[in-house]
Amino acid sequence: MKLMPIFEEVSKEYNGKLIFGKVNVEEQDEIAQKNGVMGIPVLKMFCKGRNVGELVGYMTREKLVAELDKLLATISDCLSQSSILQKEVITK
């Protein structure tokens, strides 16, 4: 089974909460090395440029959603400091 269809579906559900991106590690090996990617699939989560989580291997949609929700709950301070809404409030 492939993670990409699940990734695509879940990324739409989290639109506005998280930004999803994809990197072809075969074409972008420098990025993979810099971020310690040893195998695929791997999902790396960042907040304000800092690695805050990693999920390795295939997982069901339910497992991915549960892990993302858990991550969102644990990094809420980081997210509130880097959200567009917060930046607008600070600059006004």
N, C-alpha and C. Protein backbone atom coordinates (compact mmCIF):
# COMPACT_ATOMS: atom_id res chain seq x y z
N MET A 1 0.84 -1.18 0.00
CA MET A 1 0.00 0.00 0.00
C MET A 1 0.88 1.24 0.00
N LYS A 2 0.35 2.30 -0.54
CA LYS A 2 1.09 3.53 -0.61
C LYS A 2 0.48 4.58 0.30
N LEU A 3 1.34 5.38 0.88
CA LEU A 3 0.90 6.43 1.78
C LEU A 3 0.42 7.67 1.03
N MET A 4 0.89 7.88 -0.20
CA MET A 4 0.60 9.13 -0.91
C MET A 4 -0.90 9.43 -1.06
N PRO A 5 -1.75 8.49 -1.43
CA PRO A 5 -3.19 8.83 -1.52
C PRO A 5 -3.76 9.28 -0.18
N ILE A 6 -3.33 8.66 0.90
CA ILE A 6 -3.79 9.04 2.23
C ILE A 6 -3.25 10.42 2.57
N PHE A 7 -1.99 10.66 2.28
CA PHE A 7 -1.34 11.96 2.52
C PHE A 7 -2.10 13.07 1.80
N GLU A 8 -2.44 12.84 0.53
CA GLU A 8 -3.17 13.84 -0.26
C GLU A 8 -4.53 14.14 0.35
N GLU A 9 -5.25 13.10 0.74
CA GLU A 9 -6.58 13.27 1.32
C GLU A 9 -6.52 14.03 2.65
N VAL A 10 -5.61 13.61 3.51
CA VAL A 10 -5.49 14.23 4.83
C VAL A 10 -5.00 15.67 4.72
N SER A 11 -4.13 15.94 3.76
CA SER A 11 -3.63 17.31 3.61
C SER A 11 -4.76 18.29 3.29
N LYS A 12 -5.76 17.85 2.57
CA LYS A 12 -6.92 18.70 2.27
C LYS A 12 -7.74 18.95 3.53
N GLU A 13 -7.87 17.95 4.38
CA GLU A 13 -8.63 18.09 5.61
C GLU A 13 -7.96 19.04 6.60
N TYR A 14 -6.66 19.11 6.57
CA TYR A 14 -5.92 19.95 7.50
C TYR A 14 -5.53 21.30 6.88
N ASN A 15 -6.10 21.62 5.74
CA ASN A 15 -5.84 22.90 5.10
C ASN A 15 -6.18 24.03 6.06
N GLY A 16 -5.25 24.94 6.27
CA GLY A 16 -5.44 26.03 7.21
C GLY A 16 -4.89 25.74 8.59
N LYS A 17 -4.64 24.46 8.89
CA LYS A 17 -4.06 24.08 10.18
C LYS A 17 -2.59 23.73 10.03
N LEU A 18 -2.28 23.04 8.95
CA LEU A 18 -0.91 22.59 8.67
C LEU A 18 -0.61 22.83 7.20
N ILE A 19 0.65 22.97 6.89
CA ILE A 19 1.09 23.06 5.50
C ILE A 19 1.80 21.76 5.16
N PHE A 20 1.33 21.09 4.12
CA PHE A 20 1.92 19.83 3.70
C PHE A 20 2.80 20.08 2.48
N GLY A 21 3.91 19.39 2.42
CA GLY A 21 4.80 19.47 1.27
C GLY A 21 5.39 18.10 0.98
N LYS A 22 5.85 17.93 -0.23
CA LYS A 22 6.45 16.66 -0.63
C LYS A 22 7.84 16.93 -1.20
N VAL A 23 8.75 16.01 -0.94
CA VAL A 23 10.10 16.09 -1.50
C VAL A 23 10.44 14.75 -2.11
N ASN A 24 10.87 14.75 -3.35
CA ASN A 24 11.37 13.54 -3.98
C ASN A 24 12.81 13.35 -3.51
N VAL A 25 13.02 12.42 -2.59
CA VAL A 25 14.35 12.27 -1.98
C VAL A 25 15.39 11.73 -2.94
N GLU A 26 14.95 11.12 -4.01
CA GLU A 26 15.92 10.66 -5.02
C GLU A 26 16.46 11.84 -5.82
N GLU A 27 15.61 12.84 -6.05
CA GLU A 27 16.05 14.02 -6.79
C GLU A 27 16.63 15.10 -5.88
N GLN A 28 16.22 15.12 -4.64
CA GLN A 28 16.66 16.13 -3.67
C GLN A 28 17.39 15.48 -2.51
N ASP A 29 18.46 14.76 -2.82
CA ASP A 29 19.15 14.00 -1.79
C ASP A 29 19.79 14.89 -0.73
N GLU A 30 20.13 16.13 -1.06
CA GLU A 30 20.70 17.04 -0.05
C GLU A 30 19.69 17.34 1.05
N ILE A 31 18.44 17.55 0.65
CA ILE A 31 17.39 17.81 1.64
C ILE A 31 17.17 16.57 2.51
N ALA A 32 17.16 15.41 1.88
CA ALA A 32 16.99 14.16 2.63
C ALA A 32 18.12 13.98 3.64
N GLN A 33 19.34 14.18 3.22
CA GLN A 33 20.48 14.02 4.12
C GLN A 33 20.44 15.03 5.26
N LYS A 34 20.14 16.26 4.93
CA LYS A 34 20.09 17.33 5.94
C LYS A 34 19.06 17.02 7.03
N ASN A 35 17.98 16.36 6.65
CA ASN A 35 16.90 16.08 7.58
C ASN A 35 16.90 14.64 8.10
N GLY A 36 17.95 13.90 7.82
CA GLY A 36 18.11 12.56 8.37
C GLY A 36 17.14 11.53 7.84
N VAL A 37 16.72 11.69 6.60
CA VAL A 37 15.81 10.72 6.00
C VAL A 37 16.61 9.51 5.55
N MET A 38 16.32 8.38 6.18
CA MET A 38 17.05 7.16 5.88
C MET A 38 16.25 6.21 5.00
N GLY A 39 14.94 6.38 4.98
CA GLY A 39 14.07 5.53 4.19
C GLY A 39 12.74 6.23 3.97
N ILE A 40 11.94 5.66 3.11
CA ILE A 40 10.64 6.25 2.82
C ILE A 40 9.56 5.17 2.94
N PRO A 41 8.36 5.54 3.29
CA PRO A 41 7.89 6.90 3.52
C PRO A 41 8.27 7.40 4.92
N VAL A 42 8.49 8.70 5.00
CA VAL A 42 8.73 9.37 6.28
C VAL A 42 8.06 10.74 6.21
N LEU A 43 7.41 11.11 7.28
CA LEU A 43 6.80 12.43 7.38
C LEU A 43 7.54 13.19 8.47
N LYS A 44 8.07 14.34 8.11
CA LYS A 44 8.77 15.20 9.07
C LYS A 44 7.89 16.41 9.34
N MET A 45 7.76 16.77 10.60
CA MET A 45 6.96 17.92 10.97
C MET A 45 7.86 19.01 11.54
N PHE A 46 7.63 20.22 11.08
CA PHE A 46 8.43 21.36 11.50
C PHE A 46 7.53 22.48 11.99
N CYS A 47 8.01 23.22 12.95
CA CYS A 47 7.35 24.44 13.40
C CYS A 47 8.43 25.49 13.58
N LYS A 48 8.27 26.59 12.88
CA LYS A 48 9.25 27.67 12.91
C LYS A 48 10.65 27.16 12.57
N GLY A 49 10.73 26.22 11.63
CA GLY A 49 12.01 25.69 11.17
C GLY A 49 12.61 24.61 12.04
N ARG A 50 11.97 24.27 13.13
CA ARG A 50 12.48 23.27 14.06
C ARG A 50 11.72 21.96 13.87
N ASN A 51 12.44 20.86 13.80
CA ASN A 51 11.80 19.55 13.66
C ASN A 51 11.09 19.22 14.96
N VAL A 52 9.76 19.02 14.87
CA VAL A 52 8.96 18.75 16.07
C VAL A 52 8.33 17.36 16.05
N GLY A 53 8.56 16.61 14.99
CA GLY A 53 7.99 15.28 14.93
C GLY A 53 8.36 14.53 13.68
N GLU A 54 8.20 13.22 13.76
CA GLU A 54 8.53 12.36 12.62
C GLU A 54 7.66 11.12 12.68
N LEU A 55 7.12 10.75 11.53
CA LEU A 55 6.37 9.50 11.40
C LEU A 55 7.03 8.69 10.30
N VAL A 56 7.34 7.44 10.60
CA VAL A 56 8.08 6.60 9.65
C VAL A 56 7.22 5.41 9.26
N GLY A 57 7.19 5.14 7.97
CA GLY A 57 6.51 3.95 7.48
C GLY A 57 5.07 4.20 7.10
N TYR A 58 4.50 3.21 6.44
CA TYR A 58 3.10 3.29 6.03
C TYR A 58 2.21 3.27 7.26
N MET A 59 1.12 4.01 7.20
CA MET A 59 0.11 3.97 8.25
C MET A 59 -1.26 4.20 7.65
N THR A 60 -2.26 3.74 8.34
CA THR A 60 -3.63 3.94 7.87
C THR A 60 -3.99 5.42 8.01
N ARG A 61 -5.06 5.79 7.35
CA ARG A 61 -5.55 7.16 7.42
C ARG A 61 -5.88 7.51 8.88
N GLU A 62 -6.52 6.59 9.58
CA GLU A 62 -6.90 6.82 10.96
C GLU A 62 -5.68 7.06 11.84
N LYS A 63 -4.65 6.27 11.64
CA LYS A 63 -3.41 6.42 12.41
C LYS A 63 -2.74 7.76 12.10
N LEU A 64 -2.69 8.15 10.84
CA LEU A 64 -2.09 9.42 10.46
C LEU A 64 -2.85 10.59 11.08
N VAL A 65 -4.17 10.56 11.01
CA VAL A 65 -4.99 11.63 11.61
C VAL A 65 -4.76 11.70 13.12
N ALA A 66 -4.73 10.55 13.78
CA ALA A 66 -4.49 10.52 15.23
C ALA A 66 -3.13 11.12 15.57
N GLU A 67 -2.12 10.77 14.81
CA GLU A 67 -0.76 11.28 15.06
C GLU A 67 -0.69 12.79 14.80
N LEU A 68 -1.34 13.26 13.75
CA LEU A 68 -1.34 14.70 13.46
C LEU A 68 -2.09 15.47 14.53
N ASP A 69 -3.21 14.94 15.00
CA ASP A 69 -3.96 15.60 16.07
C ASP A 69 -3.13 15.67 17.35
N LYS A 70 -2.43 14.59 17.65
CA LYS A 70 -1.57 14.56 18.83
C LYS A 70 -0.46 15.60 18.70
N LEU A 71 0.12 15.69 17.52
CA LEU A 71 1.17 16.67 17.27
C LEU A 71 0.64 18.09 17.43
N LEU A 72 -0.52 18.37 16.84
CA LEU A 72 -1.11 19.70 16.95
C LEU A 72 -1.35 20.09 18.41
N ALA A 73 -1.77 19.15 19.21
CA ALA A 73 -2.03 19.43 20.62
C ALA A 73 -0.76 19.73 21.39
N THR A 74 0.34 19.10 21.01
CA THR A 74 1.59 19.28 21.76
C THR A 74 2.39 20.50 21.32
N ILE A 75 2.13 21.01 20.13
CA ILE A 75 2.92 22.15 19.65
C ILE A 75 2.06 23.40 19.49
N SER A 76 0.97 23.51 20.23
CA SER A 76 0.06 24.64 20.06
C SER A 76 0.75 25.97 20.33
N ASP A 77 1.67 26.04 21.30
CA ASP A 77 2.37 27.30 21.57
C ASP A 77 3.19 27.73 20.36
N CYS A 78 3.90 26.79 19.77
CA CYS A 78 4.71 27.11 18.59
C CYS A 78 3.83 27.57 17.45
N LEU A 79 2.73 26.87 17.24
CA LEU A 79 1.83 27.22 16.14
C LEU A 79 1.20 28.59 16.35
N SER A 80 0.81 28.92 17.58
CA SER A 80 0.18 30.22 17.81
C SER A 80 1.16 31.35 17.59
N GLN A 81 2.43 31.12 17.85
CA GLN A 81 3.45 32.14 17.63
C GLN A 81 3.77 32.33 16.16
N SER A 82 3.51 31.31 15.35
CA SER A 82 3.89 31.40 13.94
C SER A 82 2.70 31.47 13.00
N SER A 83 1.50 31.56 13.54
CA SER A 83 0.33 31.58 12.66
C SER A 83 0.18 32.93 11.99
N ILE A 84 -0.46 32.94 10.84
CA ILE A 84 -0.72 34.18 10.11
C ILE A 84 -1.56 35.11 10.95
N LEU A 85 -2.57 34.59 11.64
CA LEU A 85 -3.45 35.40 12.46
C LEU A 85 -2.65 36.11 13.55
N GLN A 86 -1.79 35.39 14.21
CA GLN A 86 -0.97 35.97 15.28
C GLN A 86 -0.06 37.06 14.71
N LYS A 87 0.52 36.84 13.55
CA LYS A 87 1.40 37.85 12.96
C LYS A 87 0.61 39.11 12.62
N GLU A 88 -0.62 38.95 12.16
CA GLU A 88 -1.45 40.11 11.83
C GLU A 88 -1.78 40.90 13.09
N VAL A 89 -2.06 40.22 14.18
CA VAL A 89 -2.39 40.89 15.44
C VAL A 89 -1.17 41.66 15.95
N ILE A 90 -0.01 41.07 15.86
CA ILE A 90 1.21 41.71 16.35
C ILE A 90 1.56 42.95 15.52
N THR A 91 1.37 42.88 14.22
CA THR A 91 1.78 43.99 13.35
C THR A 91 0.78 45.13 13.32
N LYS A 92 -0.44 44.93 13.80
CA LYS A 92 -1.46 45.99 13.77
C LYS A 92 -1.33 46.93 14.93
